[in-house]
């Protein structure tokens, strides 16, 4: 039988003292006690703003998730799903030590998938099976499992995802791996590439439509800029397999963009998020260089400076590195 997750009765909020340590850190930063990092170092928190691998994976439309893990490993994802109103897209197969040493661990996953698909009222187009650090230690044969599932359910896509923080210091930590799994669901299309279409890759939230980046990309010939969050169905999501360029503003998306280039022949440019005006200018020039054109960016800089000068206090409070 499939292990059932407990029924949730209420929202659960974090518990802690009122930011004493955080306030002290801000004061230290503002007085120069903490040195700036070199410009070569970029850090992306794996779950900043509630964007853990579970929520990130749910960007795939018409997808459902099965988390296979011990009880303790599932708490973060469970609480996150509750607070974000996403628990209807998530189920758990809780395993214990007996399951691991008995040798029937892989069979449990297959049985759980069958039971889950029988119970779901709406059949998903994609089932994302999340495994924990235990799989890194057990060496589960994921490809054999996926082959069986695909043969039994040819109308669905299955993929194995990883919620394994022990790989955080590796070349493929969870935030990078989940991006690769998401965009690995794109399928080659018989239709021609959309020459004026591009897409953002690696950023979980779409860039505001009022941003000048859309005007600059339009000047470079890309009138239609897509983001995964705008698609309601898995079929619509497949439009990303027909764009002509991927724009990567977050380093966690680089591996996925490289995978797409190899699998679907879609090139990409890396323009990391920056708060430095000169670096922003260089990023925009990189975008424009695709079409071999120059563009006067001074108007955008003046507008940004004007807004910046209107709210220096707010910016320092939100980001002490401005001081």
Protein backbone atom coordinates (compact mmCIF):
# COMPACT_ATOMS: atom_id res chain seq x y z
CA UNK A 1 0.00 0.00 0.00
CA UNK A 2 1.04 3.54 -0.62
CA UNK A 3 2.08 5.42 2.50
CA UNK A 4 -0.37 8.26 3.11
CA UNK A 5 0.62 11.75 4.08
CA UNK A 6 -1.09 13.23 7.09
CA UNK A 7 -4.08 15.49 6.54
CA UNK A 8 -3.12 19.15 6.91
CA UNK A 9 -5.31 21.11 9.27
CA UNK A 10 -3.93 24.63 9.11
CA UNK A 11 -1.26 26.85 7.69
CA UNK A 12 2.10 26.54 9.38
CA UNK A 13 4.29 29.55 9.78
CA UNK A 14 7.95 29.78 10.72
CA UNK A 15 8.89 30.30 14.35
CA UNK A 16 11.74 32.49 15.46
CA UNK A 17 12.84 35.58 17.26
CA UNK A 18 12.19 38.96 15.67
CA UNK A 19 15.20 39.30 13.43
CA UNK A 20 17.86 40.21 15.96
CA UNK A 21 20.63 38.48 14.03
CA UNK A 22 19.40 39.89 10.72
CA UNK A 23 19.40 43.45 12.03
CA UNK A 24 22.91 43.00 13.37
CA UNK A 25 24.06 41.69 9.99
CA UNK A 26 22.60 44.71 8.22
CA UNK A 27 24.34 47.07 10.64
CA UNK A 28 27.66 45.28 10.11
CA UNK A 29 27.22 45.48 6.35
CA UNK A 30 26.40 49.17 6.41
CA UNK A 31 29.47 49.95 8.50
CA UNK A 32 31.74 48.09 6.11
CA UNK A 33 32.64 45.17 8.39
CA UNK A 34 31.67 42.68 5.69
CA UNK A 35 33.76 42.85 2.52
CA UNK A 36 32.13 42.71 -0.89
CA UNK A 37 32.45 39.48 -2.82
CA UNK A 38 34.57 39.53 -5.98
CA UNK A 39 32.54 40.18 -9.13
CA UNK A 40 33.37 36.66 -10.34
CA UNK A 41 31.29 35.04 -7.58
CA UNK A 42 27.54 34.64 -7.98
CA UNK A 43 25.33 33.00 -5.39
CA UNK A 44 21.80 31.78 -5.98
CA UNK A 45 19.94 30.65 -2.88
CA UNK A 46 18.32 27.27 -3.66
CA UNK A 47 15.03 28.18 -1.99
CA UNK A 48 14.97 31.96 -1.69
CA UNK A 49 11.42 33.28 -1.73
CA UNK A 50 9.98 29.81 -1.35
CA UNK A 51 11.42 28.55 -4.64
CA UNK A 52 12.60 25.10 -3.62
CA UNK A 53 12.85 22.33 -6.18
CA UNK A 54 9.27 21.22 -5.54
CA UNK A 55 7.71 24.56 -6.37
CA UNK A 56 10.13 25.11 -9.25
CA UNK A 57 9.12 21.78 -10.78
CA UNK A 58 5.49 22.82 -10.63
CA UNK A 59 6.20 25.43 -13.28
CA UNK A 60 5.61 22.60 -15.75
CA UNK A 61 1.92 22.87 -16.67
CA UNK A 62 -0.33 19.83 -16.19
CA UNK A 63 2.32 18.13 -14.07
CA UNK A 64 1.99 16.22 -10.81
CA UNK A 65 4.69 15.26 -8.33
CA UNK A 66 5.38 12.17 -6.28
CA UNK A 67 8.04 12.65 -3.61
CA UNK A 68 9.76 9.45 -2.52
CA UNK A 69 11.60 10.05 0.72
CA UNK A 70 11.73 9.50 4.49
CA UNK A 71 9.30 11.51 6.62
CA UNK A 72 11.83 14.14 7.69
CA UNK A 73 12.92 14.90 4.13
CA UNK A 74 9.39 15.70 3.02
CA UNK A 75 8.57 18.39 5.56
CA UNK A 76 10.00 21.34 3.66
CA UNK A 77 8.23 20.46 0.45
CA UNK A 78 4.96 19.68 2.25
CA UNK A 79 4.87 22.97 4.15
CA UNK A 80 5.86 24.87 1.03
CA UNK A 81 3.06 23.22 -0.96
CA UNK A 82 0.53 24.15 1.71
CA UNK A 83 1.57 27.77 2.02
CA UNK A 84 1.63 28.20 -1.76
CA UNK A 85 -1.72 26.51 -2.33
CA UNK A 86 -0.14 23.70 -4.34
CA UNK A 87 -0.76 20.64 -2.18
CA UNK A 88 -3.31 19.32 -4.70
CA UNK A 89 -0.39 18.69 -7.09
CA UNK A 90 1.75 16.71 -4.70
CA UNK A 91 1.75 13.25 -3.09
CA UNK A 92 4.26 11.35 -1.01
CA UNK A 93 5.60 7.83 -0.81
CA UNK A 94 7.23 7.72 2.59
CA UNK A 95 9.87 5.05 2.95
CA UNK A 96 11.69 3.73 6.01
CA UNK A 97 14.80 1.72 6.75
CA UNK A 98 13.02 -1.58 6.10
CA UNK A 99 12.07 -0.48 2.59
CA UNK A 100 15.68 0.37 1.84
CA UNK A 101 17.32 -2.80 3.09
CA UNK A 102 14.67 -5.21 1.82
CA UNK A 103 15.69 -4.74 -1.79
CA UNK A 104 12.19 -3.83 -2.94
CA UNK A 105 12.64 -0.07 -3.01
CA UNK A 106 12.28 0.30 -6.78
CA UNK A 107 9.18 -1.91 -6.85
CA UNK A 108 7.58 0.30 -4.20
CA UNK A 109 7.94 3.33 -6.46
CA UNK A 110 6.33 1.56 -9.40
CA UNK A 111 3.43 0.33 -7.24
CA UNK A 112 2.95 3.81 -5.78
CA UNK A 113 2.77 5.38 -9.25
CA UNK A 114 0.07 2.93 -10.35
CA UNK A 115 -1.96 3.51 -7.20
CA UNK A 116 -1.58 7.26 -7.51
CA UNK A 117 -2.72 7.40 -11.14
CA UNK A 118 -5.81 5.35 -10.27
CA UNK A 119 -6.78 7.80 -7.54
CA UNK A 120 -6.17 11.11 -9.31
CA UNK A 121 -9.33 12.69 -10.67
CA UNK A 122 -7.42 14.48 -13.43
CA UNK A 123 -4.73 12.51 -15.22
CA UNK A 124 -1.53 14.57 -15.45
CA UNK A 125 0.46 14.92 -18.63
CA UNK A 126 3.71 14.71 -16.68
CA UNK A 127 4.61 12.86 -13.49
CA UNK A 128 7.74 14.14 -11.79
CA UNK A 129 9.12 11.58 -9.35
CA UNK A 130 11.33 13.28 -6.78
CA UNK A 131 13.88 11.16 -4.94
CA UNK A 132 16.04 12.17 -2.00
CA UNK A 133 19.68 11.81 -1.01
CA UNK A 134 19.08 8.12 -0.37
CA UNK A 135 19.07 7.42 -4.09
CA UNK A 136 22.55 8.87 -4.39
CA UNK A 137 23.63 6.26 -1.85
CA UNK A 138 21.51 3.33 -3.08
CA UNK A 139 22.25 3.75 -6.78
CA UNK A 140 18.68 3.22 -7.97
CA UNK A 141 18.35 2.24 -11.64
CA UNK A 142 16.11 5.12 -12.68
CA UNK A 143 16.21 4.38 -16.40
CA UNK A 144 14.87 0.87 -15.92
CA UNK A 145 12.05 2.25 -13.76
CA UNK A 146 11.21 4.97 -16.28
CA UNK A 147 11.14 2.47 -19.14
CA UNK A 148 8.53 0.35 -17.36
CA UNK A 149 6.40 3.40 -16.53
CA UNK A 150 6.56 4.77 -20.07
CA UNK A 151 5.56 1.44 -21.56
CA UNK A 152 2.58 1.21 -19.22
CA UNK A 153 1.47 4.82 -19.78
CA UNK A 154 2.52 5.94 -23.27
CA UNK A 155 0.27 9.02 -23.06
CA UNK A 156 2.31 10.47 -20.19
CA UNK A 157 5.81 11.79 -19.62
CA UNK A 158 7.82 10.61 -16.64
CA UNK A 159 11.00 12.11 -15.25
CA UNK A 160 13.12 11.53 -12.17
CA UNK A 161 13.98 14.69 -10.22
CA UNK A 162 16.29 15.09 -7.26
CA UNK A 163 15.80 16.71 -3.88
CA UNK A 164 19.28 15.89 -2.64
CA UNK A 165 21.08 18.66 -0.74
CA UNK A 166 24.18 16.48 -0.37
CA UNK A 167 24.99 17.51 -3.96
CA UNK A 168 24.95 21.25 -3.24
CA UNK A 169 28.71 21.48 -3.65
CA UNK A 170 28.73 19.45 -6.88
CA UNK A 171 28.53 20.60 -10.48
CA UNK A 172 24.83 19.69 -10.63
CA UNK A 173 23.18 20.82 -7.36
CA UNK A 174 19.37 20.57 -7.01
CA UNK A 175 18.57 24.07 -8.37
CA UNK A 176 20.54 23.29 -11.54
CA UNK A 177 19.22 19.75 -11.86
CA UNK A 178 15.55 20.76 -11.64
CA UNK A 179 16.00 23.27 -14.47
CA UNK A 180 17.52 20.51 -16.61
CA UNK A 181 14.62 18.19 -15.81
CA UNK A 182 12.01 20.85 -16.63
CA UNK A 183 13.44 21.77 -20.03
CA UNK A 184 14.35 18.16 -20.74
CA UNK A 185 10.60 17.65 -21.22
CA UNK A 186 10.67 19.72 -24.41
CA UNK A 187 10.25 17.58 -27.53
CA UNK A 188 11.66 18.17 -31.03
CA UNK A 189 9.09 19.74 -33.32
CA UNK A 190 8.43 19.07 -37.00
CA UNK A 191 7.37 22.68 -37.39
CA UNK A 192 9.78 25.43 -38.39
CA UNK A 193 11.55 27.56 -35.80
CA UNK A 194 9.85 30.81 -34.84
CA UNK A 195 12.47 33.27 -36.03
CA UNK A 196 11.15 36.23 -34.04
CA UNK A 197 10.57 34.25 -30.81
CA UNK A 198 12.88 33.93 -27.82
CA UNK A 199 12.42 32.64 -24.28
CA UNK A 200 13.81 33.19 -20.81
CA UNK A 201 15.43 30.13 -19.30
CA UNK A 202 16.39 29.57 -15.66
CA UNK A 203 14.46 32.39 -13.98
CA UNK A 204 11.40 31.10 -12.13
CA UNK A 205 9.52 34.40 -12.31
CA UNK A 206 8.88 36.22 -15.56
CA UNK A 207 10.52 39.62 -15.97
CA UNK A 208 8.05 42.48 -15.68
CA UNK A 209 6.49 43.37 -19.03
CA UNK A 210 7.32 47.05 -18.41
CA UNK A 211 11.03 46.30 -18.46
CA UNK A 212 13.08 47.85 -21.26
CA UNK A 213 14.55 44.40 -21.99
CA UNK A 214 11.55 43.64 -24.22
CA UNK A 215 12.12 46.79 -26.29
CA UNK A 216 15.79 45.94 -26.67
CA UNK A 217 15.05 42.38 -27.75
CA UNK A 218 12.44 43.70 -30.19
CA UNK A 219 15.12 45.95 -31.67
CA UNK A 220 17.26 42.83 -32.09
CA UNK A 221 14.42 41.17 -34.01
CA UNK A 222 12.73 39.16 -31.24
CA UNK A 223 9.16 40.40 -30.96
CA UNK A 224 7.77 37.43 -28.98
CA UNK A 225 9.49 36.75 -25.66
CA UNK A 226 8.16 33.77 -23.71
CA UNK A 227 8.48 32.42 -20.19
CA UNK A 228 7.38 29.05 -18.88
CA UNK A 229 4.96 30.63 -16.39
CA UNK A 230 2.69 31.91 -19.17
CA UNK A 231 1.65 28.46 -20.40
CA UNK A 232 -1.48 26.76 -19.05
CA UNK A 233 -1.07 23.40 -20.80
CA UNK A 234 1.76 21.01 -21.53
CA UNK A 235 1.07 21.37 -25.26
CA UNK A 236 1.50 25.15 -25.02
CA UNK A 237 4.72 24.64 -23.06
CA UNK A 238 6.10 22.79 -26.09
CA UNK A 239 6.21 26.13 -27.94
CA UNK A 240 9.53 26.67 -26.18
CA UNK A 241 10.98 23.97 -28.43
CA UNK A 242 10.42 26.24 -31.44
CA UNK A 243 11.97 29.53 -30.26
CA UNK A 244 15.16 30.73 -31.91
CA UNK A 245 16.99 31.94 -28.83
CA UNK A 246 17.08 31.36 -25.07
CA UNK A 247 17.96 34.20 -22.70
CA UNK A 248 19.56 33.02 -19.45
CA UNK A 249 19.46 35.64 -16.66
CA UNK A 250 20.22 33.17 -13.85
CA UNK A 251 23.30 30.89 -13.75
CA UNK A 252 21.22 27.92 -12.56
CA UNK A 253 19.71 27.84 -16.05
CA UNK A 254 22.99 27.53 -17.95
CA UNK A 255 23.14 23.74 -17.92
CA UNK A 256 19.52 23.51 -19.09
CA UNK A 257 20.18 26.01 -21.87
CA UNK A 258 23.18 23.99 -22.99
CA UNK A 259 21.07 20.81 -22.99
CA UNK A 260 18.47 22.57 -25.15
CA UNK A 261 21.15 23.72 -27.57
CA UNK A 262 22.39 20.18 -28.02
CA UNK A 263 18.95 18.53 -28.20
CA UNK A 264 16.94 21.15 -30.10
CA UNK A 265 19.59 23.33 -31.78
CA UNK A 266 18.46 26.50 -29.96
CA UNK A 267 21.30 28.85 -29.09
CA UNK A 268 21.40 30.92 -25.90
CA UNK A 269 22.97 34.04 -24.44
CA UNK A 270 23.93 34.49 -20.80
CA UNK A 271 22.99 37.90 -19.40
CA UNK A 272 23.09 37.59 -15.58
CA UNK A 273 20.92 39.80 -13.40
CA UNK A 274 22.93 42.84 -12.31
CA UNK A 275 22.45 46.04 -10.35
CA UNK A 276 25.51 47.69 -11.86
CA UNK A 277 24.65 50.15 -14.63
CA UNK A 278 27.75 49.41 -16.68
CA UNK A 279 27.19 45.66 -16.53
CA UNK A 280 23.53 46.10 -17.45
CA UNK A 281 24.65 48.14 -20.47
CA UNK A 282 27.07 45.39 -21.48
CA UNK A 283 24.31 42.78 -21.19
CA UNK A 284 22.02 44.79 -23.44
CA UNK A 285 24.82 45.29 -25.94
CA UNK A 286 25.29 41.52 -25.98
CA UNK A 287 21.61 41.11 -26.86
CA UNK A 288 21.82 43.70 -29.63
CA UNK A 289 24.99 42.16 -31.05
CA UNK A 290 22.92 39.13 -32.11
CA UNK A 291 21.41 41.28 -34.84
CA UNK A 292 24.60 43.26 -35.35
CA UNK A 293 23.01 46.59 -34.41
CA UNK A 294 23.78 49.48 -32.07
CA UNK A 295 21.21 51.26 -29.95
CA UNK A 296 21.30 54.35 -27.77
CA UNK A 297 20.70 53.08 -24.21
CA UNK A 298 21.17 56.41 -22.44
CA UNK A 299 17.42 57.06 -22.16
CA UNK A 300 16.92 53.83 -20.21
CA UNK A 301 19.83 54.65 -17.91
CA UNK A 302 18.50 58.15 -17.16
CA UNK A 303 15.08 56.75 -16.37
CA UNK A 304 16.56 54.13 -14.02
CA UNK A 305 18.74 56.72 -12.28
CA UNK A 306 15.75 58.97 -11.76
CA UNK A 307 13.79 56.18 -10.09
CA UNK A 308 16.82 55.15 -8.07
CA UNK A 309 17.26 58.64 -6.64
CA UNK A 310 13.63 58.73 -5.58
CA UNK A 311 14.00 55.80 -3.21
CA UNK A 312 17.55 55.51 -1.82
CA UNK A 313 16.36 54.68 1.67
CA UNK A 314 14.18 51.83 0.49
CA UNK A 315 16.97 50.40 -1.63
CA UNK A 316 19.48 50.45 1.22
CA UNK A 317 16.98 48.72 3.49
CA UNK A 318 16.28 45.98 0.96
CA UNK A 319 19.83 45.61 -0.29
CA UNK A 320 22.63 46.88 2.04
CA UNK A 321 25.20 46.40 -0.76
CA UNK A 322 24.00 49.70 -2.23
CA UNK A 323 25.80 51.65 0.48
